[in-house]
Amino acid sequence: QLRLVESGGGLVQPGGSLRLSCTASGSISNIFFMGWYRQVPGEQRELVAGITYGDKITYGGSVKGRFTISRDNAKKTLYLRMNNLKPEDTAVYFCHIGPSAWGQGTQVTVSS
């Protein structure tokens, strides 16, 4: 079972940027699916962005054109670059590396 450590969350003003990182305890080069999810209190966790083994990428509708998912297999790290952040992006963000590993969550707050 992979262990995942997230970093990069915080407080940012609307229009600002953040980069989230998720570093795994083992190799991610052969993992079929990795993704970033987010959750706000009282709501279901939703997929923000996902990337497959073949580098097929999927984005949630509300983040297309603003967020970019990427990975560095050598560093065993999954990234989420978030630009032009909006208050509605405020949530706890979780990384997921298949089949069952989850990060601890990192808070992203977008507020002036």
PDB file of N, CA and C in Angstrom:
ATOM      1  N   GLN A   1       0.850  -1.188   0.000  1.00  0.00           N
ATOM      2  CA  GLN A   1       0.000   0.000   0.000  1.00  0.00           C
ATOM      3  C   GLN A   1       0.886   1.239   0.000  1.00  0.00           C
ATOM      4  N   LEU A   2       0.676   2.060  -1.029  1.00  0.00           N
ATOM      5  CA  LEU A   2       1.430   3.300  -1.103  1.00  0.00           C
ATOM      6  C   LEU A   2       1.010   4.257  -0.001  1.00  0.00           C
ATOM      7  N   ARG A   3       1.960   5.014   0.500  1.00  0.00           N
ATOM      8  CA  ARG A   3       1.653   6.139   1.396  1.00  0.00           C
ATOM      9  C   ARG A   3       1.878   7.408   0.611  1.00  0.00           C
ATOM     10  N   LEU A   4       0.945   8.352   0.777  1.00  0.00           N
ATOM     11  CA  LEU A   4       0.980   9.590   0.001  1.00  0.00           C
ATOM     12  C   LEU A   4       1.075  10.777   0.941  1.00  0.00           C
ATOM     13  N   VAL A   5       1.905  11.720   0.588  1.00  0.00           N
ATOM     14  CA  VAL A   5       2.050  12.945   1.369  1.00  0.00           C
ATOM     15  C   VAL A   5       1.785  14.134   0.459  1.00  0.00           C
ATOM     16  N   GLU A   6       0.792  14.927   0.835  1.00  0.00           N
ATOM     17  CA  GLU A   6       0.413  16.093   0.051  1.00  0.00           C
ATOM     18  C   GLU A   6       1.032  17.359   0.629  1.00  0.00           C
ATOM     19  N   SER A   7       1.218  18.330  -0.233  1.00  0.00           N
ATOM     20  CA  SER A   7       1.673  19.641   0.202  1.00  0.00           C
ATOM     21  C   SER A   7       1.231  20.688  -0.810  1.00  0.00           C
ATOM     22  N   GLY A   8       1.288  21.955  -0.405  1.00  0.00           N
ATOM     23  CA  GLY A   8       1.058  23.047  -1.341  1.00  0.00           C
ATOM     24  C   GLY A   8      -0.235  23.811  -1.168  1.00  0.00           C
ATOM     25  N   GLY A   9      -1.111  23.370  -0.269  1.00  0.00           N
ATOM     26  CA  GLY A   9      -2.345  24.110  -0.058  1.00  0.00           C
ATOM     27  C   GLY A   9      -2.097  25.405   0.690  1.00  0.00           C
ATOM     28  N   GLY A  10      -3.175  26.175   0.857  1.00  0.00           N
ATOM     29  CA  GLY A  10      -3.041  27.421   1.603  1.00  0.00           C
ATOM     30  C   GLY A  10      -4.133  28.403   1.254  1.00  0.00           C
ATOM     31  N   LEU A  11      -3.906  29.637   1.680  1.00  0.00           N
ATOM     32  CA  LEU A  11      -4.846  30.733   1.430  1.00  0.00           C
ATOM     33  C   LEU A  11      -4.320  31.577   0.275  1.00  0.00           C
ATOM     34  N   VAL A  12      -5.192  31.847  -0.683  1.00  0.00           N
ATOM     35  CA  VAL A  12      -4.790  32.635  -1.846  1.00  0.00           C
ATOM     36  C   VAL A  12      -5.943  33.543  -2.235  1.00  0.00           C
ATOM     37  N   GLN A  13      -5.612  34.692  -2.803  1.00  0.00           N
ATOM     38  CA  GLN A  13      -6.650  35.610  -3.261  1.00  0.00           C
ATOM     39  C   GLN A  13      -7.238  35.144  -4.581  1.00  0.00           C
ATOM     40  N   PRO A  14      -8.472  35.549  -4.864  1.00  0.00           N
ATOM     41  CA  PRO A  14      -9.050  35.223  -6.173  1.00  0.00           C
ATOM     42  C   PRO A  14      -8.137  35.677  -7.306  1.00  0.00           C
ATOM     43  N   GLY A  15      -8.008  34.812  -8.297  1.00  0.00           N
ATOM     44  CA  GLY A  15      -7.099  35.080  -9.406  1.00  0.00           C
ATOM     45  C   GLY A  15      -5.693  34.570  -9.187  1.00  0.00           C
ATOM     46  N   GLY A  16      -5.397  34.134  -7.995  1.00  0.00           N
ATOM     47  CA  GLY A  16      -4.060  33.642  -7.670  1.00  0.00           C
ATOM     48  C   GLY A  16      -3.840  32.205  -8.111  1.00  0.00           C
ATOM     49  N   SER A  17      -2.653  31.704  -7.798  1.00  0.00           N
ATOM     50  CA  SER A  17      -2.249  30.361  -8.208  1.00  0.00           C
ATOM     51  C   SER A  17      -1.666  29.579  -7.040  1.00  0.00           C
ATOM     52  N   LEU A  18      -1.796  28.282  -7.123  1.00  0.00           N
ATOM     53  CA  LEU A  18      -1.158  27.361  -6.195  1.00  0.00           C
ATOM     54  C   LEU A  18      -0.749  26.108  -6.961  1.00  0.00           C
ATOM     55  N   ARG A  19       0.251  25.404  -6.432  1.00  0.00           N
ATOM     56  CA  ARG A  19       0.596  24.098  -6.975  1.00  0.00           C
ATOM     57  C   ARG A  19       0.579  23.083  -5.841  1.00  0.00           C
ATOM     58  N   LEU A  20      -0.242  22.073  -6.009  1.00  0.00           N
ATOM     59  CA  LEU A  20      -0.301  20.974  -5.047  1.00  0.00           C
ATOM     60  C   LEU A  20       0.640  19.858  -5.503  1.00  0.00           C
ATOM     61  N   SER A  21       1.247  19.204  -4.526  1.00  0.00           N
ATOM     62  CA  SER A  21       2.126  18.070  -4.793  1.00  0.00           C
ATOM     63  C   SER A  21       1.673  16.881  -3.971  1.00  0.00           C
ATOM     64  N   CYS A  22       1.866  15.719  -4.510  1.00  0.00           N
ATOM     65  CA  CYS A  22       1.517  14.470  -3.828  1.00  0.00           C
ATOM     66  C   CYS A  22       2.648  13.484  -4.093  1.00  0.00           C
ATOM     67  N   THR A  23       3.436  13.203  -3.074  1.00  0.00           N
ATOM     68  CA  THR A  23       4.593  12.335  -3.222  1.00  0.00           C
ATOM     69  C   THR A  23       4.298  10.967  -2.626  1.00  0.00           C
ATOM     70  N   ALA A  24       4.594   9.948  -3.421  1.00  0.00           N
ATOM     71  CA  ALA A  24       4.309   8.573  -3.016  1.00  0.00           C
ATOM     72  C   ALA A  24       5.540   7.908  -2.409  1.00  0.00           C
ATOM     73  N   SER A  25       5.273   6.899  -1.591  1.00  0.00           N
ATOM     74  CA  SER A  25       6.362   6.171  -0.936  1.00  0.00           C
ATOM     75  C   SER A  25       7.005   5.147  -1.848  1.00  0.00           C
ATOM     76  N   GLY A  26       6.359   4.863  -3.005  1.00  0.00           N
ATOM     77  CA  GLY A  26       6.895   3.903  -3.945  1.00  0.00           C
ATOM     78  C   GLY A  26       6.678   4.360  -5.375  1.00  0.00           C
ATOM     79  N   SER A  27       7.047   3.515  -6.273  1.00  0.00           N
ATOM     80  CA  SER A  27       6.964   3.854  -7.699  1.00  0.00           C
ATOM     81  C   SER A  27       5.525   4.106  -8.133  1.00  0.00           C
ATOM     82  N   ILE A  28       5.361   5.099  -9.018  1.00  0.00           N
ATOM     83  CA  ILE A  28       4.044   5.372  -9.598  1.00  0.00           C
ATOM     84  C   ILE A  28       4.059   5.165 -11.102  1.00  0.00           C
ATOM     85  N   SER A  29       5.159   4.697 -11.633  1.00  0.00           N
ATOM     86  CA  SER A  29       5.302   4.644 -13.088  1.00  0.00           C
ATOM     87  C   SER A  29       4.347   3.663 -13.749  1.00  0.00           C
ATOM     88  N   ASN A  30       3.878   2.653 -13.020  1.00  0.00           N
ATOM     89  CA  ASN A  30       2.989   1.652 -13.619  1.00  0.00           C
ATOM     90  C   ASN A  30       1.559   1.740 -13.112  1.00  0.00           C
ATOM     91  N   ILE A  31       1.254   2.824 -12.412  1.00  0.00           N
ATOM     92  CA  ILE A  31      -0.092   2.998 -11.882  1.00  0.00           C
ATOM     93  C   ILE A  31      -1.041   3.397 -13.001  1.00  0.00           C
ATOM     94  N   PHE A  32      -2.203   2.739 -13.093  1.00  0.00           N
ATOM     95  CA  PHE A  32      -3.114   3.005 -14.203  1.00  0.00           C
ATOM     96  C   PHE A  32      -3.772   4.373 -14.100  1.00  0.00           C
ATOM     97  N   PHE A  33      -4.215   4.743 -12.892  1.00  0.00           N
ATOM     98  CA  PHE A  33      -4.951   6.000 -12.759  1.00  0.00           C
ATOM     99  C   PHE A  33      -4.512   6.750 -11.510  1.00  0.00           C
ATOM    100  N   MET A  34      -4.310   8.045 -11.672  1.00  0.00           N
ATOM    101  CA  MET A  34      -4.021   8.938 -10.554  1.00  0.00           C
ATOM    102  C   MET A  34      -4.870  10.180 -10.721  1.00  0.00           C
ATOM    103  N   GLY A  35      -5.267  10.762  -9.606  1.00  0.00           N
ATOM    104  CA  GLY A  35      -6.110  11.936  -9.734  1.00  0.00           C
ATOM    105  C   GLY A  35      -6.132  12.810  -8.513  1.00  0.00           C
ATOM    106  N   TRP A  36      -6.718  13.976  -8.696  1.00  0.00           N
ATOM    107  CA  TRP A  36      -6.979  14.917  -7.607  1.00  0.00           C
ATOM    108  C   TRP A  36      -8.493  15.068  -7.455  1.00  0.00           C
ATOM    109  N   TYR A  37      -8.925  15.023  -6.213  1.00  0.00           N
ATOM    110  CA  TYR A  37     -10.329  15.193  -5.870  1.00  0.00           C
ATOM    111  C   TYR A  37     -10.428  16.345  -4.879  1.00  0.00           C
ATOM    112  N   ARG A  38     -11.645  16.866  -4.733  1.00  0.00           N
ATOM    113  CA  ARG A  38     -11.853  17.872  -3.704  1.00  0.00           C
ATOM    114  C   ARG A  38     -13.212  17.660  -3.058  1.00  0.00           C
ATOM    115  N   GLN A  39     -13.292  18.178  -1.837  1.00  0.00           N
ATOM    116  CA  GLN A  39     -14.508  17.987  -1.060  1.00  0.00           C
ATOM    117  C   GLN A  39     -14.745  19.197  -0.177  1.00  0.00           C
ATOM    118  N   VAL A  40     -15.994  19.625  -0.148  1.00  0.00           N
ATOM    119  CA  VAL A  40     -16.408  20.667   0.787  1.00  0.00           C
ATOM    120  C   VAL A  40     -17.363  20.027   1.782  1.00  0.00           C
ATOM    121  N   PRO A  41     -17.487  20.582   2.978  1.00  0.00           N
ATOM    122  CA  PRO A  41     -18.356  19.976   4.000  1.00  0.00           C
ATOM    123  C   PRO A  41     -19.781  19.806   3.503  1.00  0.00           C
ATOM    124  N   GLY A  42     -20.328  18.619   3.736  1.00  0.00           N
ATOM    125  CA  GLY A  42     -21.702  18.349   3.359  1.00  0.00           C
ATOM    126  C   GLY A  42     -21.901  17.918   1.926  1.00  0.00           C
ATOM    127  N   GLU A  43     -20.811  17.860   1.160  1.00  0.00           N
ATOM    128  CA  GLU A  43     -20.923  17.459  -0.240  1.00  0.00           C
ATOM    129  C   GLU A  43     -20.046  16.250  -0.530  1.00  0.00           C
ATOM    130  N   GLN A  44     -20.341  15.603  -1.643  1.00  0.00           N
ATOM    131  CA  GLN A  44     -19.548  14.440  -2.036  1.00  0.00           C
ATOM    132  C   GLN A  44     -18.199  14.881  -2.600  1.00  0.00           C
ATOM    133  N   ARG A  45     -17.242  14.003  -2.457  1.00  0.00           N
ATOM    134  CA  ARG A  45     -15.930  14.240  -3.045  1.00  0.00           C
ATOM    135  C   ARG A  45     -16.069  14.183  -4.571  1.00  0.00           C
ATOM    136  N   GLU A  46     -15.467  15.145  -5.260  1.00  0.00           N
ATOM    137  CA  GLU A  46     -15.591  15.189  -6.710  1.00  0.00           C
ATOM    138  C   GLU A  46     -14.214  15.143  -7.372  1.00  0.00           C
ATOM    139  N   LEU A  47     -14.183  14.543  -8.546  1.00  0.00           N
ATOM    140  CA  LEU A  47     -12.949  14.477  -9.311  1.00  0.00           C
ATOM    141  C   LEU A  47     -12.646  15.844  -9.910  1.00  0.00           C
ATOM    142  N   VAL A  48     -11.439  16.305  -9.674  1.00  0.00           N
ATOM    143  CA  VAL A  48     -10.969  17.565 -10.246  1.00  0.00           C
ATOM    144  C   VAL A  48     -10.195  17.306 -11.535  1.00  0.00           C
ATOM    145  N   ALA A  49      -9.284  16.354 -11.467  1.00  0.00           N
ATOM    146  CA  ALA A  49      -8.458  16.024 -12.630  1.00  0.00           C
ATOM    147  C   ALA A  49      -7.885  14.634 -12.453  1.00  0.00           C
ATOM    148  N   GLY A  50      -7.756  13.909 -13.564  1.00  0.00           N
ATOM    149  CA  GLY A  50      -7.191  12.574 -13.510  1.00  0.00           C
ATOM    150  C   GLY A  50      -6.257  12.336 -14.680  1.00  0.00           C
ATOM    151  N   ILE A  51      -5.305  11.434 -14.459  1.00  0.00           N
ATOM    152  CA  ILE A  51      -4.356  11.098 -15.515  1.00  0.00           C
ATOM    153  C   ILE A  51      -4.118   9.598 -15.489  1.00  0.00           C
ATOM    154  N   THR A  52      -4.126   8.993 -16.663  1.00  0.00           N
ATOM    155  CA  THR A  52      -3.950   7.550 -16.739  1.00  0.00           C
ATOM    156  C   THR A  52      -2.509   7.183 -17.062  1.00  0.00           C
ATOM    157  N   TYR A  53      -2.251   5.903 -17.054  1.00  0.00           N
ATOM    158  CA  TYR A  53      -0.923   5.368 -17.385  1.00  0.00           C
ATOM    159  C   TYR A  53      -0.472   5.844 -18.754  1.00  0.00           C
ATOM    160  N   GLY A  54      -1.416   5.937 -19.691  1.00  0.00           N
ATOM    161  CA  GLY A  54      -1.095   6.389 -21.033  1.00  0.00           C
ATOM    162  C   GLY A  54      -1.177   7.892 -21.205  1.00  0.00           C
ATOM    163  N   ASP A  55      -1.219   8.611 -20.081  1.00  0.00           N
ATOM    164  CA  ASP A  55      -1.268  10.072 -20.072  1.00  0.00           C
ATOM    165  C   ASP A  55      -2.541  10.642 -20.690  1.00  0.00           C
ATOM    166  N   LYS A  56      -3.610   9.890 -20.632  1.00  0.00           N
ATOM    167  CA  LYS A  56      -4.907  10.455 -20.977  1.00  0.00           C
ATOM    168  C   LYS A  56      -5.391  11.257 -19.780  1.00  0.00           C
ATOM    169  N   ILE A  57      -5.786  12.501 -20.021  1.00  0.00           N
ATOM    170  CA  ILE A  57      -6.116  13.426 -18.932  1.00  0.00           C
ATOM    171  C   ILE A  57      -7.582  13.814 -19.004  1.00  0.00           C
ATOM    172  N   THR A  58      -8.182  13.893 -17.840  1.00  0.00           N
ATOM    173  CA  THR A  58      -9.576  14.315 -17.702  1.00  0.00           C
ATOM    174  C   THR A  58      -9.652  15.426 -16.674  1.00  0.00           C
ATOM    175  N   TYR A  59     -10.476  16.438 -16.954  1.00  0.00           N
ATOM    176  CA  TYR A  59     -10.705  17.526 -16.016  1.00  0.00           C
ATOM    177  C   TYR A  59     -12.186  17.656 -15.730  1.00  0.00           C
ATOM    178  N   GLY A  60     -12.488  18.039 -14.479  1.00  0.00           N
ATOM    179  CA  GLY A  60     -13.839  18.419 -14.164  1.00  0.00           C
ATOM    180  C   GLY A  60     -14.198  19.687 -14.908  1.00  0.00           C
ATOM    181  N   GLY A  61     -15.493  19.828 -15.220  1.00  0.00           N
ATOM    182  CA  GLY A  61     -15.905  20.927 -16.073  1.00  0.00           C
ATOM    183  C   GLY A  61     -15.563  22.303 -15.547  1.00  0.00           C
ATOM    184  N   SER A  62     -15.610  22.476 -14.252  1.00  0.00           N
ATOM    185  CA  SER A  62     -15.423  23.806 -13.680  1.00  0.00           C
ATOM    186  C   SER A  62     -13.961  24.246 -13.639  1.00  0.00           C
ATOM    187  N   VAL A  63     -13.033  23.335 -13.880  1.00  0.00           N
ATOM    188  CA  VAL A  63     -11.615  23.694 -13.765  1.00  0.00           C
ATOM    189  C   VAL A  63     -10.897  23.659 -15.103  1.00  0.00           C
ATOM    190  N   LYS A  64     -11.570  23.237 -16.151  1.00  0.00           N
ATOM    191  CA  LYS A  64     -10.929  23.167 -17.465  1.00  0.00           C
ATOM    192  C   LYS A  64     -10.370  24.520 -17.874  1.00  0.00           C
ATOM    193  N   GLY A  65      -9.145  24.495 -18.341  1.00  0.00           N
ATOM    194  CA  GLY A  65      -8.492  25.718 -18.766  1.00  0.00           C
ATOM    195  C   GLY A  65      -7.796  26.469 -17.657  1.00  0.00           C
ATOM    196  N   ARG A  66      -8.029  26.067 -16.408  1.00  0.00           N
ATOM    197  CA  ARG A  66      -7.397  26.745 -15.264  1.00  0.00           C
ATOM    198  C   ARG A  66      -6.444  25.839 -14.504  1.00  0.00           C
ATOM    199  N   PHE A  67      -6.766  24.553 -14.432  1.00  0.00           N
ATOM    200  CA  PHE A  67      -5.951  23.594 -13.675  1.00  0.00           C
ATOM    201  C   PHE A  67      -5.202  22.679 -14.642  1.00  0.00           C
ATOM    202  N   THR A  68      -4.022  22.228 -14.210  1.00  0.00           N
ATOM    203  CA  THR A  68      -3.219  21.305 -15.001  1.00  0.00           C
ATOM    204  C   THR A  68      -2.684  20.199 -14.110  1.00  0.00           C
ATOM    205  N   ILE A  69      -2.979  18.968 -14.475  1.00  0.00           N
ATOM    206  CA  ILE A  69      -2.454  17.819 -13.739  1.00  0.00           C
ATOM    207  C   ILE A  69      -1.218  17.301 -14.474  1.00  0.00           C
ATOM    208  N   SER A  70      -0.235  16.879 -13.706  1.00  0.00           N
ATOM    209  CA  SER A  70       0.967  16.307 -14.310  1.00  0.00           C
ATOM    210  C   SER A  70       1.615  15.363 -13.298  1.00  0.00           C
ATOM    211  N   ARG A  71       2.577  14.607 -13.775  1.00  0.00           N
ATOM    212  CA  ARG A  71       3.267  13.702 -12.863  1.00  0.00           C
ATOM    213  C   ARG A  71       4.733  13.603 -13.260  1.00  0.00           C
ATOM    214  N   ASP A  72       5.550  13.299 -12.285  1.00  0.00           N
ATOM    215  CA  ASP A  72       6.972  13.074 -12.489  1.00  0.00           C
ATOM    216  C   ASP A  72       7.266  11.707 -11.902  1.00  0.00           C
ATOM    217  N   ASN A  73       7.395  10.721 -12.768  1.00  0.00           N
ATOM    218  CA  ASN A  73       7.596   9.353 -12.277  1.00  0.00           C
ATOM    219  C   ASN A  73       8.911   9.212 -11.516  1.00  0.00           C
ATOM    220  N   ALA A  74       9.929   9.920 -11.960  1.00  0.00           N
ATOM    221  CA  ALA A  74      11.229   9.815 -11.293  1.00  0.00           C
ATOM    222  C   ALA A  74      11.165  10.331  -9.860  1.00  0.00           C
ATOM    223  N   LYS A  75      10.353  11.374  -9.637  1.00  0.00           N
ATOM    224  CA  LYS A  75      10.202  11.933  -8.290  1.00  0.00           C
ATOM    225  C   LYS A  75       9.039  11.309  -7.545  1.00  0.00           C
ATOM    226  N   LYS A  76       8.326  10.388  -8.190  1.00  0.00           N
ATOM    227  CA  LYS A  76       7.178   9.710  -7.575  1.00  0.00           C
ATOM    228  C   LYS A  76       6.154  10.722  -7.090  1.00  0.00           C
ATOM    229  N   THR A  77       5.922  11.739  -7.897  1.00  0.00           N
ATOM    230  CA  THR A  77       5.083  12.848  -7.466  1.00  0.00           C
ATOM    231  C   THR A  77       4.031  13.198  -8.512  1.00  0.00           C
ATOM    232  N   LEU A  78       2.840  13.449  -8.021  1.00  0.00           N
ATOM    233  CA  LEU A  78       1.712  13.924  -8.812  1.00  0.00           C
ATOM    234  C   LEU A  78       1.487  15.389  -8.465  1.00  0.00           C
ATOM    235  N   TYR A  79       1.220  16.205  -9.479  1.00  0.00           N
ATOM    236  CA  TYR A  79       1.048  17.643  -9.264  1.00  0.00           C
ATOM    237  C   TYR A  79      -0.319  18.100  -9.748  1.00  0.00           C
ATOM    238  N   LEU A  80      -0.760  19.225  -9.179  1.00  0.00           N
ATOM    239  CA  LEU A  80      -1.925  19.932  -9.685  1.00  0.00           C
ATOM    240  C   LEU A  80      -1.604  21.415  -9.660  1.00  0.00           C
ATOM    241  N   ARG A  81      -1.447  21.984 -10.829  1.00  0.00           N
ATOM    242  CA  ARG A  81      -1.224  23.421 -10.930  1.00  0.00           C
ATOM    243  C   ARG A  81      -2.585  24.080 -11.090  1.00  0.00           C
ATOM    244  N   MET A  82      -2.868  25.047 -10.210  1.00  0.00           N
ATOM    245  CA  MET A  82      -4.161  25.712 -10.200  1.00  0.00           C
ATOM    246  C   MET A  82      -3.950  27.206 -10.450  1.00  0.00           C
ATOM    247  N   ASN A  83      -4.465  27.690 -11.553  1.00  0.00           N
ATOM    248  CA  ASN A  83      -4.370  29.103 -11.898  1.00  0.00           C
ATOM    249  C   ASN A  83      -5.752  29.751 -11.865  1.00  0.00           C
ATOM    250  N   ASN A  84      -5.765  31.074 -11.784  1.00  0.00           N
ATOM    251  CA  ASN A  84      -7.012  31.845 -11.794  1.00  0.00           C
ATOM    252  C   ASN A  84      -8.023  31.250 -10.810  1.00  0.00           C
ATOM    253  N   LEU A  85      -7.567  31.063  -9.589  1.00  0.00           N
ATOM    254  CA  LEU A  85      -8.418  30.443  -8.577  1.00  0.00           C
ATOM    255  C   LEU A  85      -9.610  31.312  -8.241  1.00  0.00           C
ATOM    256  N   LYS A  86     -10.724  30.649  -7.946  1.00  0.00           N
ATOM    257  CA  LYS A  86     -11.980  31.312  -7.623  1.00  0.00           C
ATOM    258  C   LYS A  86     -12.438  30.880  -6.233  1.00  0.00           C
ATOM    259  N   PRO A  87     -13.268  31.701  -5.573  1.00  0.00           N
ATOM    260  CA  PRO A  87     -13.750  31.307  -4.240  1.00  0.00           C
ATOM    261  C   PRO A  87     -14.423  29.932  -4.238  1.00  0.00           C
ATOM    262  N   GLU A  88     -15.072  29.574  -5.322  1.00  0.00           N
ATOM    263  CA  GLU A  88     -15.740  28.269  -5.373  1.00  0.00           C
ATOM    264  C   GLU A  88     -14.770  27.101  -5.491  1.00  0.00           C
ATOM    265  N   ASP A  89     -13.490  27.380  -5.655  1.00  0.00           N
ATOM    266  CA  ASP A  89     -12.481  26.317  -5.627  1.00  0.00           C
ATOM    267  C   ASP A  89     -12.074  25.956  -4.206  1.00  0.00           C
ATOM    268  N   THR A  90     -12.569  26.703  -3.238  1.00  0.00           N
ATOM    269  CA  THR A  90     -12.247  26.419  -1.838  1.00  0.00           C
ATOM    270  C   THR A  90     -12.744  25.035  -1.446  1.00  0.00           C
ATOM    271  N   ALA A  91     -11.834  24.214  -0.944  1.00  0.00           N
ATOM    272  CA  ALA A  91     -12.157  22.829  -0.586  1.00  0.00           C
ATOM    273  C   ALA A  91     -10.919  22.177   0.014  1.00  0.00           C
ATOM    274  N   VAL A  92     -11.110  20.978   0.522  1.00  0.00           N
ATOM    275  CA  VAL A  92      -9.975  20.119   0.862  1.00  0.00           C
ATOM    276  C   VAL A  92      -9.673  19.275  -0.372  1.00  0.00           C
ATOM    277  N   TYR A  93      -8.417  19.281  -0.779  1.00  0.00           N
ATOM    278  CA  TYR A  93      -8.006  18.564  -1.976  1.00  0.00           C
ATOM    279  C   TYR A  93      -7.263  17.294  -1.577  1.00  0.00           C
ATOM    280  N   PHE A  94      -7.634  16.199  -2.216  1.00  0.00           N
ATOM    281  CA  PHE A  94      -7.045  14.894  -1.937  1.00  0.00           C
ATOM    282  C   PHE A  94      -6.417  14.329  -3.214  1.00  0.00           C
ATOM    283  N   CYS A  95      -5.249  13.758  -3.081  1.00  0.00           N
ATOM    284  CA  CYS A  95      -4.704  13.016  -4.218  1.00  0.00           C
ATOM    285  C   CYS A  95      -5.059  11.538  -4.056  1.00  0.00           C
ATOM    286  N   HIS A  96      -5.166  10.881  -5.168  1.00  0.00           N
ATOM    287  CA  HIS A  96      -5.510   9.459  -5.195  1.00  0.00           C
ATOM    288  C   HIS A  96      -4.621   8.782  -6.219  1.00  0.00           C
ATOM    289  N   ILE A  97      -3.952   7.743  -5.764  1.00  0.00           N
ATOM    290  CA  ILE A  97      -3.116   6.949  -6.671  1.00  0.00           C
ATOM    291  C   ILE A  97      -3.621   5.522  -6.585  1.00  0.00           C
ATOM    292  N   GLY A  98      -4.101   5.031  -7.736  1.00  0.00           N
ATOM    293  CA  GLY A  98      -4.770   3.758  -7.768  1.00  0.00           C
ATOM    294  C   GLY A  98      -3.940   2.597  -7.298  1.00  0.00           C
ATOM    295  N   PRO A  99      -4.618   1.532  -6.852  1.00  0.00           N
ATOM    296  CA  PRO A  99      -6.060   1.419  -6.768  1.00  0.00           C
ATOM    297  C   PRO A  99      -6.686   1.991  -5.507  1.00  0.00           C
ATOM    298  N   SER A 100      -5.910   2.191  -4.435  1.00  0.00           N
ATOM    299  CA  SER A 100      -6.613   2.520  -3.187  1.00  0.00           C
ATOM    300  C   SER A 100      -5.901   3.520  -2.285  1.00  0.00           C
ATOM    301  N   ALA A 101      -4.835   4.136  -2.733  1.00  0.00           N
ATOM    302  CA  ALA A 101      -4.097   5.053  -1.870  1.00  0.00           C
ATOM    303  C   ALA A 101      -4.646   6.466  -1.967  1.00  0.00           C
ATOM    304  N   TRP A 102      -4.812   7.104  -0.794  1.00  0.00           N
ATOM    305  CA  TRP A 102      -5.305   8.472  -0.723  1.00  0.00           C
ATOM    306  C   TRP A 102      -4.352   9.310   0.133  1.00  0.00           C
ATOM    307  N   GLY A 103      -4.213  10.586  -0.265  1.00  0.00           N
ATOM    308  CA  GLY A 103      -3.473  11.506   0.573  1.00  0.00           C
ATOM    309  C   GLY A 103      -4.305  11.949   1.751  1.00  0.00           C
ATOM    310  N   GLN A 104      -3.652  12.696   2.647  1.00  0.00           N
ATOM    311  CA  GLN A 104      -4.310  13.118   3.872  1.00  0.00           C
ATOM    312  C   GLN A 104      -5.219  14.316   3.658  1.00  0.00           C
ATOM    313  N   GLY A 105      -5.110  14.966   2.516  1.00  0.00           N
ATOM    314  CA  GLY A 105      -5.922  16.148   2.238  1.00  0.00           C
ATOM    315  C   GLY A 105      -5.169  17.417   2.571  1.00  0.00           C
ATOM    316  N   THR A 106      -5.355  18.419   1.731  1.00  0.00           N
ATOM    317  CA  THR A 106      -4.747  19.726   1.979  1.00  0.00           C
ATOM    318  C   THR A 106      -5.788  20.797   1.691  1.00  0.00           C
ATOM    319  N   GLN A 107      -5.889  21.760   2.604  1.00  0.00           N
ATOM    320  CA  GLN A 107      -6.914  22.793   2.485  1.00  0.00           C
ATOM    321  C   GLN A 107      -6.475  23.862   1.503  1.00  0.00           C
ATOM    322  N   VAL A 108      -7.377  24.183   0.587  1.00  0.00           N
ATOM    323  CA  VAL A 108      -7.190  25.315  -0.318  1.00  0.00           C
ATOM    324  C   VAL A 108      -8.330  26.294  -0.061  1.00  0.00           C
ATOM    325  N   THR A 109      -7.971  27.521   0.286  1.00  0.00           N
ATOM    326  CA  THR A 109      -8.961  28.550   0.563  1.00  0.00           C
ATOM    327  C   THR A 109      -8.699  29.732  -0.355  1.00  0.00           C
ATOM    328  N   VAL A 110      -9.722  30.110  -1.107  1.00  0.00           N
ATOM    329  CA  VAL A 110      -9.611  31.234  -2.033  1.00  0.00           C
ATOM    330  C   VAL A 110     -10.513  32.343  -1.517  1.00  0.00           C
ATOM    331  N   SER A 111      -9.892  33.404  -1.051  1.00  0.00           N
ATOM    332  CA  SER A 111     -10.652  34.471  -0.424  1.00  0.00           C
ATOM    333  C   SER A 111      -9.847  35.763  -0.437  1.00  0.00           C
ATOM    334  N   SER A 112     -10.558  36.874  -0.542  1.00  0.00           N
ATOM    335  CA  SER A 112      -9.889  38.172  -0.465  1.00  0.00           C
ATOM    336  C   SER A 112      -9.905  38.704   0.954  1.00  0.00           C
TER     337      SER A 112
END
